[in-house]
Amino acid sequence: MKLFKPLYEFALRWATHPYAEYYLAGLSFIEAFIFPVAPEVMLAPMTLAKPRRWARYATISLAGSICGAFIGYALGHYAFQFVRPLFEALGWLPAIDELIGKLQRETGWKIFLMLVLAGFLPIPLKIFTWASGIVGVPIPAFVAGMMIGRGKRVYILCGLIRLGGERAEKAIHRWIEWIGWTLIVLVVLLVVYLKFFHK
């Protein structure tokens, strides 16, 4: 059953839409505080479609994420108790509570480094933005950490696609089904490990 190839081709068509940059900015913005879909679903196809604009697209995505991160921070700081039942229903509450505990035990540069690492950890960015607001991470450390953490992720992704160019596009197009199903298997294995074996 081909599932990922049609989705990938659909994403490529949207990547060339006249308003694609606005959609990318909007997706990056809302993903930083509530939306479950990462901006890479648009960022990668857009860079593949127009590789010379890789830095522009990465910057747009980063700017949207930073703006959204402020919303997540504010919501965490002012509205966490009201939305706690929602996070519990979404299954995010254990991860948020664990992260809050870690942030409360750390100060200064350690918090900054945790935020920098957030860009590559298998934890949604929104959990870090909310948790930072809940514990009151200093704004300068929060902004710097978000910029470096999310920035390295989007710039490295776009830069690698730019370097790969047409060959990368052809390889992804050819192997997208294998890539997609492999990622699903890895995610399932990670969930099973965290649920049943990780202490």
N, C-alpha and C. Protein backbone atom coordinates (compact mmCIF):
# COMPACT_ATOMS: atom_id res chain seq x y z
N MET A 1 0.84 -1.19 0.00
CA MET A 1 0.00 0.00 0.00
C MET A 1 0.89 1.25 0.00
N LYS A 2 0.68 2.10 -0.97
CA LYS A 2 1.45 3.34 -1.03
C LYS A 2 0.72 4.43 -0.26
N LEU A 3 1.36 4.85 0.81
CA LEU A 3 0.78 5.89 1.66
C LEU A 3 1.59 7.16 1.62
N PHE A 4 2.91 7.05 1.71
CA PHE A 4 3.75 8.22 1.87
C PHE A 4 4.07 8.93 0.56
N LYS A 5 4.15 8.18 -0.53
CA LYS A 5 4.47 8.82 -1.81
C LYS A 5 3.40 9.82 -2.24
N PRO A 6 2.09 9.47 -2.18
CA PRO A 6 1.07 10.48 -2.52
C PRO A 6 1.11 11.70 -1.59
N LEU A 7 1.35 11.46 -0.29
CA LEU A 7 1.44 12.58 0.65
C LEU A 7 2.63 13.46 0.33
N TYR A 8 3.74 12.83 -0.01
CA TYR A 8 4.95 13.57 -0.35
C TYR A 8 4.74 14.42 -1.61
N GLU A 9 4.12 13.84 -2.62
CA GLU A 9 3.85 14.57 -3.85
C GLU A 9 2.87 15.71 -3.62
N PHE A 10 1.90 15.48 -2.73
CA PHE A 10 0.97 16.56 -2.35
C PHE A 10 1.71 17.70 -1.67
N ALA A 11 2.63 17.34 -0.76
CA ALA A 11 3.42 18.36 -0.06
C ALA A 11 4.28 19.16 -1.03
N LEU A 12 4.83 18.48 -2.04
CA LEU A 12 5.64 19.17 -3.04
C LEU A 12 4.81 20.18 -3.83
N ARG A 13 3.57 19.81 -4.14
CA ARG A 13 2.70 20.74 -4.87
C ARG A 13 2.40 21.97 -4.02
N TRP A 14 2.12 21.76 -2.73
CA TRP A 14 1.87 22.89 -1.85
C TRP A 14 3.12 23.75 -1.65
N ALA A 15 4.28 23.11 -1.76
CA ALA A 15 5.54 23.84 -1.56
C ALA A 15 5.76 24.89 -2.64
N THR A 16 5.14 24.72 -3.80
CA THR A 16 5.29 25.69 -4.88
C THR A 16 4.12 26.65 -4.95
N HIS A 17 3.21 26.56 -3.99
CA HIS A 17 2.05 27.46 -3.95
C HIS A 17 2.52 28.90 -3.72
N PRO A 18 1.84 29.88 -4.34
CA PRO A 18 2.26 31.29 -4.16
C PRO A 18 2.31 31.74 -2.70
N TYR A 19 1.49 31.13 -1.85
CA TYR A 19 1.46 31.53 -0.44
C TYR A 19 2.18 30.52 0.47
N ALA A 20 3.03 29.70 -0.13
CA ALA A 20 3.70 28.65 0.64
C ALA A 20 4.51 29.21 1.82
N GLU A 21 5.17 30.34 1.61
CA GLU A 21 5.98 30.92 2.69
C GLU A 21 5.10 31.35 3.87
N TYR A 22 3.91 31.88 3.56
CA TYR A 22 3.00 32.27 4.63
C TYR A 22 2.49 31.04 5.38
N TYR A 23 2.20 29.97 4.64
CA TYR A 23 1.76 28.74 5.28
C TYR A 23 2.86 28.17 6.17
N LEU A 24 4.09 28.23 5.70
CA LEU A 24 5.23 27.74 6.48
C LEU A 24 5.38 28.54 7.77
N ALA A 25 5.29 29.85 7.66
CA ALA A 25 5.40 30.70 8.85
C ALA A 25 4.27 30.41 9.84
N GLY A 26 3.04 30.26 9.31
CA GLY A 26 1.90 29.98 10.18
C GLY A 26 2.01 28.63 10.86
N LEU A 27 2.43 27.61 10.11
CA LEU A 27 2.60 26.28 10.69
C LEU A 27 3.69 26.28 11.75
N SER A 28 4.81 26.94 11.48
CA SER A 28 5.90 27.03 12.47
C SER A 28 5.43 27.75 13.72
N PHE A 29 4.60 28.76 13.53
CA PHE A 29 4.09 29.56 14.66
C PHE A 29 3.21 28.72 15.58
N ILE A 30 2.19 28.08 15.01
CA ILE A 30 1.25 27.36 15.88
C ILE A 30 1.83 26.05 16.41
N GLU A 31 2.80 25.47 15.68
CA GLU A 31 3.42 24.24 16.16
C GLU A 31 4.20 24.46 17.43
N ALA A 32 4.70 25.68 17.63
CA ALA A 32 5.54 25.97 18.79
C ALA A 32 4.76 25.98 20.10
N PHE A 33 3.42 26.06 20.03
CA PHE A 33 2.69 26.08 21.30
C PHE A 33 1.48 25.14 21.36
N ILE A 34 0.98 24.61 20.22
CA ILE A 34 -0.17 23.73 20.35
C ILE A 34 -0.29 22.69 19.24
N PHE A 35 0.06 23.04 17.99
CA PHE A 35 -0.24 22.17 16.86
C PHE A 35 0.69 20.96 16.84
N PRO A 36 0.17 19.74 16.56
CA PRO A 36 1.02 18.54 16.66
C PRO A 36 1.90 18.25 15.44
N VAL A 37 1.71 18.96 14.31
CA VAL A 37 2.46 18.66 13.09
C VAL A 37 3.68 19.58 12.99
N ALA A 38 4.87 19.00 12.84
CA ALA A 38 6.11 19.77 12.76
C ALA A 38 6.21 20.51 11.42
N PRO A 39 6.84 21.69 11.40
CA PRO A 39 6.96 22.46 10.15
C PRO A 39 7.82 21.79 9.09
N GLU A 40 8.59 20.78 9.45
CA GLU A 40 9.41 20.08 8.47
C GLU A 40 8.59 19.47 7.34
N VAL A 41 7.29 19.21 7.59
CA VAL A 41 6.46 18.62 6.53
C VAL A 41 6.31 19.59 5.35
N MET A 42 6.46 20.89 5.61
CA MET A 42 6.46 21.87 4.53
C MET A 42 7.86 22.33 4.19
N LEU A 43 8.69 22.44 5.21
CA LEU A 43 10.04 22.99 5.02
C LEU A 43 10.88 22.15 4.07
N ALA A 44 10.87 20.85 4.25
CA ALA A 44 11.69 19.97 3.39
C ALA A 44 11.24 20.00 1.93
N PRO A 45 9.93 19.83 1.64
CA PRO A 45 9.51 19.90 0.24
C PRO A 45 9.74 21.26 -0.40
N MET A 46 9.58 22.34 0.37
CA MET A 46 9.82 23.67 -0.18
C MET A 46 11.28 23.84 -0.57
N THR A 47 12.18 23.33 0.27
CA THR A 47 13.61 23.43 -0.03
C THR A 47 13.97 22.56 -1.22
N LEU A 48 13.33 21.39 -1.31
CA LEU A 48 13.58 20.52 -2.46
C LEU A 48 13.10 21.17 -3.75
N ALA A 49 11.95 21.87 -3.68
CA ALA A 49 11.39 22.49 -4.87
C ALA A 49 12.23 23.69 -5.32
N LYS A 50 12.75 24.46 -4.35
CA LYS A 50 13.54 25.65 -4.68
C LYS A 50 14.79 25.68 -3.78
N PRO A 51 15.79 24.86 -4.09
CA PRO A 51 16.96 24.72 -3.20
C PRO A 51 17.71 26.02 -2.93
N ARG A 52 17.71 26.95 -3.88
CA ARG A 52 18.46 28.19 -3.67
C ARG A 52 17.87 29.06 -2.57
N ARG A 53 16.64 28.80 -2.19
CA ARG A 53 15.99 29.58 -1.14
C ARG A 53 16.07 28.89 0.22
N TRP A 54 17.00 27.96 0.38
CA TRP A 54 17.06 27.17 1.60
C TRP A 54 17.21 28.03 2.85
N ALA A 55 18.08 29.04 2.81
CA ALA A 55 18.31 29.88 3.99
C ALA A 55 17.08 30.74 4.28
N ARG A 56 16.42 31.22 3.23
CA ARG A 56 15.21 32.03 3.40
C ARG A 56 14.12 31.20 4.09
N TYR A 57 13.91 29.99 3.60
CA TYR A 57 12.87 29.14 4.19
C TYR A 57 13.20 28.78 5.64
N ALA A 58 14.46 28.48 5.92
CA ALA A 58 14.85 28.16 7.30
C ALA A 58 14.62 29.35 8.21
N THR A 59 14.93 30.56 7.72
CA THR A 59 14.74 31.77 8.52
C THR A 59 13.27 32.03 8.78
N ILE A 60 12.42 31.83 7.77
CA ILE A 60 10.99 32.02 7.94
C ILE A 60 10.44 31.05 8.99
N SER A 61 10.86 29.79 8.89
CA SER A 61 10.40 28.80 9.85
C SER A 61 10.89 29.12 11.26
N LEU A 62 12.14 29.54 11.38
CA LEU A 62 12.68 29.89 12.69
C LEU A 62 11.95 31.07 13.29
N ALA A 63 11.70 32.10 12.48
CA ALA A 63 11.00 33.29 12.98
C ALA A 63 9.60 32.93 13.47
N GLY A 64 8.89 32.10 12.69
CA GLY A 64 7.56 31.66 13.12
C GLY A 64 7.61 30.88 14.42
N SER A 65 8.60 30.00 14.55
CA SER A 65 8.73 29.20 15.77
C SER A 65 9.04 30.06 16.98
N ILE A 66 9.89 31.07 16.82
CA ILE A 66 10.24 31.95 17.95
C ILE A 66 9.02 32.73 18.40
N CYS A 67 8.26 33.27 17.44
CA CYS A 67 7.04 34.01 17.80
C CYS A 67 6.05 33.09 18.52
N GLY A 68 5.89 31.87 18.00
CA GLY A 68 4.99 30.92 18.65
C GLY A 68 5.50 30.49 20.02
N ALA A 69 6.81 30.44 20.17
CA ALA A 69 7.39 30.05 21.46
C ALA A 69 7.02 31.04 22.56
N PHE A 70 6.91 32.32 22.21
CA PHE A 70 6.48 33.32 23.19
C PHE A 70 5.04 33.05 23.65
N ILE A 71 4.19 32.62 22.71
CA ILE A 71 2.82 32.29 23.07
C ILE A 71 2.80 31.09 24.02
N GLY A 72 3.59 30.06 23.68
CA GLY A 72 3.67 28.90 24.55
C GLY A 72 4.18 29.26 25.94
N TYR A 73 5.19 30.12 25.98
CA TYR A 73 5.75 30.56 27.26
C TYR A 73 4.68 31.29 28.08
N ALA A 74 3.96 32.21 27.43
CA ALA A 74 2.92 32.99 28.13
C ALA A 74 1.79 32.09 28.61
N LEU A 75 1.39 31.13 27.77
CA LEU A 75 0.33 30.21 28.18
C LEU A 75 0.78 29.36 29.35
N GLY A 76 2.02 28.90 29.32
CA GLY A 76 2.54 28.12 30.43
C GLY A 76 2.59 28.93 31.71
N HIS A 77 2.95 30.20 31.56
CA HIS A 77 3.11 31.06 32.73
C HIS A 77 1.77 31.46 33.34
N TYR A 78 0.78 31.72 32.49
CA TYR A 78 -0.48 32.30 32.97
C TYR A 78 -1.68 31.35 32.93
N ALA A 79 -1.63 30.30 32.11
CA ALA A 79 -2.86 29.52 31.91
C ALA A 79 -2.68 28.02 32.11
N PHE A 80 -1.57 27.60 32.69
CA PHE A 80 -1.30 26.16 32.76
C PHE A 80 -2.37 25.40 33.55
N GLN A 81 -2.78 25.92 34.68
CA GLN A 81 -3.74 25.21 35.52
C GLN A 81 -5.08 25.03 34.80
N PHE A 82 -5.43 25.98 33.93
CA PHE A 82 -6.71 25.89 33.21
C PHE A 82 -6.67 24.81 32.12
N VAL A 83 -5.50 24.63 31.50
CA VAL A 83 -5.42 23.68 30.38
C VAL A 83 -4.77 22.36 30.79
N ARG A 84 -4.47 22.20 32.06
CA ARG A 84 -3.87 20.95 32.53
C ARG A 84 -4.70 19.72 32.14
N PRO A 85 -6.05 19.77 32.29
CA PRO A 85 -6.85 18.61 31.85
C PRO A 85 -6.71 18.30 30.36
N LEU A 86 -6.54 19.35 29.52
CA LEU A 86 -6.35 19.14 28.09
C LEU A 86 -5.05 18.39 27.81
N PHE A 87 -3.96 18.82 28.47
CA PHE A 87 -2.68 18.15 28.29
C PHE A 87 -2.74 16.70 28.78
N GLU A 88 -3.51 16.48 29.85
CA GLU A 88 -3.66 15.12 30.35
C GLU A 88 -4.39 14.26 29.32
N ALA A 89 -5.40 14.82 28.68
CA ALA A 89 -6.16 14.09 27.66
C ALA A 89 -5.29 13.81 26.43
N LEU A 90 -4.38 14.75 26.08
CA LEU A 90 -3.50 14.58 24.93
C LEU A 90 -2.34 13.64 25.22
N GLY A 91 -2.14 13.33 26.50
CA GLY A 91 -1.03 12.45 26.87
C GLY A 91 0.29 13.18 27.06
N TRP A 92 0.25 14.53 27.07
CA TRP A 92 1.47 15.31 27.20
C TRP A 92 1.86 15.59 28.65
N LEU A 93 0.93 15.40 29.58
CA LEU A 93 1.15 15.84 30.96
C LEU A 93 2.34 15.18 31.63
N PRO A 94 2.54 13.85 31.50
CA PRO A 94 3.72 13.25 32.15
C PRO A 94 5.04 13.86 31.66
N ALA A 95 5.15 14.10 30.35
CA ALA A 95 6.38 14.69 29.81
C ALA A 95 6.56 16.12 30.31
N ILE A 96 5.47 16.87 30.35
CA ILE A 96 5.55 18.25 30.84
C ILE A 96 5.94 18.28 32.31
N ASP A 97 5.30 17.44 33.14
CA ASP A 97 5.62 17.41 34.57
C ASP A 97 7.07 17.00 34.81
N GLU A 98 7.55 16.03 34.02
CA GLU A 98 8.95 15.61 34.17
C GLU A 98 9.90 16.73 33.80
N LEU A 99 9.59 17.43 32.70
CA LEU A 99 10.45 18.53 32.27
C LEU A 99 10.42 19.69 33.26
N ILE A 100 9.24 19.97 33.81
CA ILE A 100 9.14 21.02 34.83
C ILE A 100 10.05 20.71 36.01
N GLY A 101 10.01 19.45 36.44
CA GLY A 101 10.88 19.04 37.55
C GLY A 101 12.34 19.26 37.23
N LYS A 102 12.76 18.91 36.01
CA LYS A 102 14.16 19.10 35.61
C LYS A 102 14.52 20.58 35.58
N LEU A 103 13.65 21.38 35.00
CA LEU A 103 13.93 22.82 34.91
C LEU A 103 13.98 23.48 36.28
N GLN A 104 13.14 23.02 37.19
CA GLN A 104 13.13 23.60 38.54
C GLN A 104 14.41 23.27 39.31
N ARG A 105 15.04 22.15 38.94
CA ARG A 105 16.28 21.76 39.63
C ARG A 105 17.51 22.41 39.02
N GLU A 106 17.35 23.00 37.83
CA GLU A 106 18.50 23.58 37.14
C GLU A 106 18.42 25.10 37.12
N THR A 107 19.56 25.72 36.90
CA THR A 107 19.59 27.18 36.79
C THR A 107 20.61 27.58 35.73
N GLY A 108 20.53 28.83 35.31
CA GLY A 108 21.54 29.43 34.45
C GLY A 108 21.79 28.68 33.16
N TRP A 109 23.08 28.35 32.93
CA TRP A 109 23.51 27.78 31.67
C TRP A 109 22.96 26.39 31.43
N LYS A 110 22.65 25.65 32.48
CA LYS A 110 22.12 24.30 32.30
C LYS A 110 20.74 24.36 31.63
N ILE A 111 19.92 25.33 32.02
CA ILE A 111 18.61 25.50 31.38
C ILE A 111 18.81 25.89 29.92
N PHE A 112 19.74 26.80 29.69
CA PHE A 112 20.03 27.23 28.31
C PHE A 112 20.43 26.03 27.45
N LEU A 113 21.30 25.16 27.97
CA LEU A 113 21.74 23.99 27.21
C LEU A 113 20.60 23.02 26.96
N MET A 114 19.68 22.87 27.92
CA MET A 114 18.52 22.01 27.72
C MET A 114 17.64 22.53 26.59
N LEU A 115 17.48 23.84 26.54
CA LEU A 115 16.67 24.43 25.47
C LEU A 115 17.36 24.29 24.12
N VAL A 116 18.69 24.39 24.10
CA VAL A 116 19.43 24.20 22.85
C VAL A 116 19.26 22.77 22.35
N LEU A 117 19.33 21.82 23.26
CA LEU A 117 19.19 20.41 22.88
C LEU A 117 17.77 20.07 22.45
N ALA A 118 16.80 20.90 22.83
CA ALA A 118 15.39 20.61 22.53
C ALA A 118 15.15 20.46 21.04
N GLY A 119 15.95 21.10 20.21
CA GLY A 119 15.75 21.03 18.77
C GLY A 119 15.89 19.64 18.20
N PHE A 120 16.69 18.77 18.86
CA PHE A 120 16.93 17.43 18.33
C PHE A 120 16.37 16.32 19.22
N LEU A 121 15.78 16.68 20.34
CA LEU A 121 15.21 15.65 21.21
C LEU A 121 13.85 15.22 20.68
N PRO A 122 13.45 13.95 20.90
CA PRO A 122 12.14 13.48 20.44
C PRO A 122 11.00 13.95 21.33
N ILE A 123 11.05 15.23 21.72
CA ILE A 123 10.00 15.83 22.53
C ILE A 123 9.50 17.06 21.78
N PRO A 124 8.19 17.19 21.60
CA PRO A 124 7.67 18.34 20.85
C PRO A 124 8.13 19.67 21.44
N LEU A 125 8.41 20.63 20.56
CA LEU A 125 8.87 21.95 21.00
C LEU A 125 7.89 22.59 21.96
N LYS A 126 6.60 22.38 21.73
CA LYS A 126 5.57 23.02 22.55
C LYS A 126 5.69 22.63 24.02
N ILE A 127 6.17 21.42 24.30
CA ILE A 127 6.33 21.00 25.69
C ILE A 127 7.41 21.83 26.37
N PHE A 128 8.49 22.13 25.64
CA PHE A 128 9.56 22.97 26.19
C PHE A 128 9.08 24.41 26.39
N THR A 129 8.29 24.93 25.45
CA THR A 129 7.85 26.33 25.58
C THR A 129 6.90 26.48 26.76
N TRP A 130 5.96 25.55 26.90
CA TRP A 130 5.04 25.60 28.04
C TRP A 130 5.80 25.42 29.35
N ALA A 131 6.65 24.42 29.42
CA ALA A 131 7.38 24.14 30.66
C ALA A 131 8.25 25.32 31.06
N SER A 132 8.86 25.98 30.08
CA SER A 132 9.70 27.16 30.38
C SER A 132 8.87 28.27 31.00
N GLY A 133 7.67 28.48 30.48
CA GLY A 133 6.79 29.50 31.05
C GLY A 133 6.30 29.14 32.44
N ILE A 134 6.03 27.86 32.65
CA ILE A 134 5.52 27.41 33.95
C ILE A 134 6.53 27.66 35.06
N VAL A 135 7.80 27.35 34.79
CA VAL A 135 8.82 27.51 35.84
C VAL A 135 9.46 28.90 35.82
N GLY A 136 9.13 29.71 34.80
CA GLY A 136 9.68 31.07 34.75
C GLY A 136 11.13 31.14 34.32
N VAL A 137 11.49 30.38 33.29
CA VAL A 137 12.86 30.48 32.75
C VAL A 137 13.11 31.92 32.33
N PRO A 138 14.26 32.51 32.67
CA PRO A 138 14.54 33.90 32.26
C PRO A 138 14.40 34.07 30.75
N ILE A 139 13.76 35.16 30.35
CA ILE A 139 13.47 35.40 28.93
C ILE A 139 14.74 35.37 28.06
N PRO A 140 15.85 36.04 28.45
CA PRO A 140 17.04 35.98 27.59
C PRO A 140 17.52 34.55 27.34
N ALA A 141 17.56 33.72 28.39
CA ALA A 141 17.98 32.33 28.22
C ALA A 141 16.99 31.56 27.36
N PHE A 142 15.71 31.85 27.54
CA PHE A 142 14.67 31.18 26.77
C PHE A 142 14.79 31.50 25.28
N VAL A 143 14.91 32.80 24.97
CA VAL A 143 15.00 33.21 23.56
C VAL A 143 16.27 32.68 22.91
N ALA A 144 17.40 32.83 23.60
CA ALA A 144 18.67 32.34 23.04
C ALA A 144 18.64 30.84 22.83
N GLY A 145 18.10 30.11 23.81
CA GLY A 145 18.02 28.66 23.70
C GLY A 145 17.12 28.22 22.55
N MET A 146 15.99 28.89 22.40
CA MET A 146 15.06 28.56 21.32
C MET A 146 15.68 28.86 19.95
N MET A 147 16.34 30.00 19.85
CA MET A 147 16.94 30.38 18.57
C MET A 147 18.00 29.39 18.13
N ILE A 148 18.85 28.99 19.07
CA ILE A 148 19.92 28.05 18.72
C ILE A 148 19.37 26.65 18.53
N GLY A 149 18.49 26.22 19.46
CA GLY A 149 17.94 24.88 19.40
C GLY A 149 17.14 24.63 18.15
N ARG A 150 16.14 25.47 17.87
CA ARG A 150 15.33 25.29 16.67
C ARG A 150 16.11 25.73 15.43
N GLY A 151 16.96 26.75 15.57
CA GLY A 151 17.72 27.26 14.43
C GLY A 151 18.63 26.21 13.83
N LYS A 152 19.37 25.49 14.67
CA LYS A 152 20.28 24.48 14.14
C LYS A 152 19.51 23.38 13.44
N ARG A 153 18.33 23.10 13.92
CA ARG A 153 17.52 22.04 13.30
C ARG A 153 17.07 22.42 11.90
N VAL A 154 16.50 23.61 11.74
CA VAL A 154 15.97 23.99 10.43
C VAL A 154 17.08 24.33 9.45
N TYR A 155 18.13 24.98 9.92
CA TYR A 155 19.23 25.34 9.00
C TYR A 155 20.01 24.11 8.55
N ILE A 156 20.23 23.17 9.45
CA ILE A 156 20.94 21.95 9.06
C ILE A 156 20.09 21.14 8.08
N LEU A 157 18.79 21.03 8.36
CA LEU A 157 17.91 20.30 7.45
C LEU A 157 17.91 20.92 6.06
N CYS A 158 17.66 22.21 5.99
CA CYS A 158 17.61 22.89 4.69
C CYS A 158 18.98 22.88 4.00
N GLY A 159 20.04 23.05 4.78
CA GLY A 159 21.38 23.05 4.20
C GLY A 159 21.75 21.71 3.59
N LEU A 160 21.38 20.62 4.29
CA LEU A 160 21.66 19.29 3.75
C LEU A 160 20.87 19.02 2.48
N ILE A 161 19.62 19.47 2.47
CA ILE A 161 18.81 19.30 1.25
C ILE A 161 19.40 20.12 0.11
N ARG A 162 19.87 21.33 0.43
CA ARG A 162 20.48 22.19 -0.60
C ARG A 162 21.73 21.52 -1.18
N LEU A 163 22.54 20.93 -0.30
CA LEU A 163 23.75 20.27 -0.77
C LEU A 163 23.43 19.04 -1.61
N GLY A 164 22.39 18.32 -1.21
CA GLY A 164 22.00 17.14 -1.96
C GLY A 164 21.38 17.46 -3.30
N GLY A 165 20.66 18.61 -3.36
CA GLY A 165 20.06 19.08 -4.60
C GLY A 165 19.13 18.08 -5.26
N GLU A 166 19.24 17.98 -6.56
CA GLU A 166 18.35 17.12 -7.35
C GLU A 166 18.52 15.66 -6.99
N ARG A 167 19.74 15.27 -6.66
CA ARG A 167 19.97 13.87 -6.28
C ARG A 167 19.19 13.51 -5.02
N ALA A 168 19.15 14.45 -4.05
CA ALA A 168 18.40 14.20 -2.82
C ALA A 168 16.92 14.06 -3.12
N GLU A 169 16.42 14.92 -4.00
CA GLU A 169 14.99 14.87 -4.34
C GLU A 169 14.64 13.54 -4.99
N LYS A 170 15.48 13.09 -5.92
CA LYS A 170 15.23 11.82 -6.60
C LYS A 170 15.31 10.65 -5.63
N ALA A 171 16.28 10.70 -4.72
CA ALA A 171 16.43 9.61 -3.75
C ALA A 171 15.23 9.56 -2.81
N ILE A 172 14.79 10.73 -2.32
CA ILE A 172 13.63 10.76 -1.43
C ILE A 172 12.39 10.27 -2.16
N HIS A 173 12.21 10.73 -3.40
CA HIS A 173 11.05 10.32 -4.18
C HIS A 173 11.04 8.80 -4.39
N ARG A 174 12.20 8.23 -4.58
CA ARG A 174 12.30 6.79 -4.84
C ARG A 174 12.08 5.96 -3.58
N TRP A 175 12.61 6.44 -2.45
CA TRP A 175 12.61 5.65 -1.22
C TRP A 175 11.64 6.15 -0.16
N ILE A 176 10.72 7.04 -0.52
CA ILE A 176 9.85 7.68 0.48
C ILE A 176 9.00 6.67 1.25
N GLU A 177 8.52 5.62 0.58
CA GLU A 177 7.71 4.61 1.28
C GLU A 177 8.53 3.90 2.35
N TRP A 178 9.74 3.48 1.99
CA TRP A 178 10.62 2.82 2.95
C TRP A 178 10.96 3.75 4.11
N ILE A 179 11.25 5.01 3.78
CA ILE A 179 11.60 5.99 4.82
C ILE A 179 10.42 6.19 5.77
N GLY A 180 9.23 6.39 5.21
CA GLY A 180 8.05 6.63 6.02
C GLY A 180 7.71 5.49 6.95
N TRP A 181 7.68 4.25 6.41
CA TRP A 181 7.35 3.11 7.24
C TRP A 181 8.44 2.81 8.26
N THR A 182 9.69 3.06 7.90
CA THR A 182 10.78 2.86 8.86
C THR A 182 10.64 3.81 10.04
N LEU A 183 10.31 5.07 9.75
CA LEU A 183 10.11 6.04 10.83
C LEU A 183 8.96 5.64 11.74
N ILE A 184 7.88 5.13 11.16
CA ILE A 184 6.75 4.70 11.97
C ILE A 184 7.15 3.54 12.88
N VAL A 185 7.88 2.58 12.35
CA VAL A 185 8.34 1.45 13.15
C VAL A 185 9.24 1.93 14.29
N LEU A 186 10.15 2.87 13.99
CA LEU A 186 11.04 3.39 15.03
C LEU A 186 10.27 4.12 16.12
N VAL A 187 9.26 4.90 15.74
CA VAL A 187 8.44 5.62 16.72
C VAL A 187 7.69 4.62 17.61
N VAL A 188 7.11 3.58 16.99
CA VAL A 188 6.38 2.57 17.75
C VAL A 188 7.31 1.86 18.73
N LEU A 189 8.51 1.51 18.25
CA LEU A 189 9.48 0.85 19.13
C LEU A 189 9.89 1.75 20.28
N LEU A 190 10.06 3.06 20.00
CA LEU A 190 10.42 4.01 21.05
C LEU A 190 9.31 4.12 22.09
N VAL A 191 8.06 4.20 21.63
CA VAL A 191 6.92 4.28 22.56
C VAL A 191 6.84 3.04 23.42
N VAL A 192 7.00 1.85 22.80
CA VAL A 192 6.95 0.59 23.55
C VAL A 192 8.07 0.55 24.59
N TYR A 193 9.27 0.98 24.17
CA TYR A 193 10.40 0.98 25.11
C TYR A 193 10.14 1.90 26.29
N LEU A 194 9.69 3.13 26.00
CA LEU A 194 9.45 4.10 27.07
C LEU A 194 8.33 3.66 28.00
N LYS A 195 7.34 2.96 27.43
CA LYS A 195 6.18 2.57 28.23
C LYS A 195 6.45 1.34 29.09
N PHE A 196 7.18 0.37 28.55
CA PHE A 196 7.30 -0.91 29.22
C PHE A 196 8.68 -1.24 29.79
N PHE A 197 9.74 -0.62 29.23
CA PHE A 197 11.09 -1.04 29.61
C PHE A 197 11.91 0.06 30.30
N HIS A 198 11.59 1.33 30.01
CA HIS A 198 12.39 2.43 30.58
C HIS A 198 11.92 2.73 31.97
N LYS A 199 12.87 2.79 32.87
CA LYS A 199 12.54 3.09 34.27
C LYS A 199 13.16 4.42 34.68
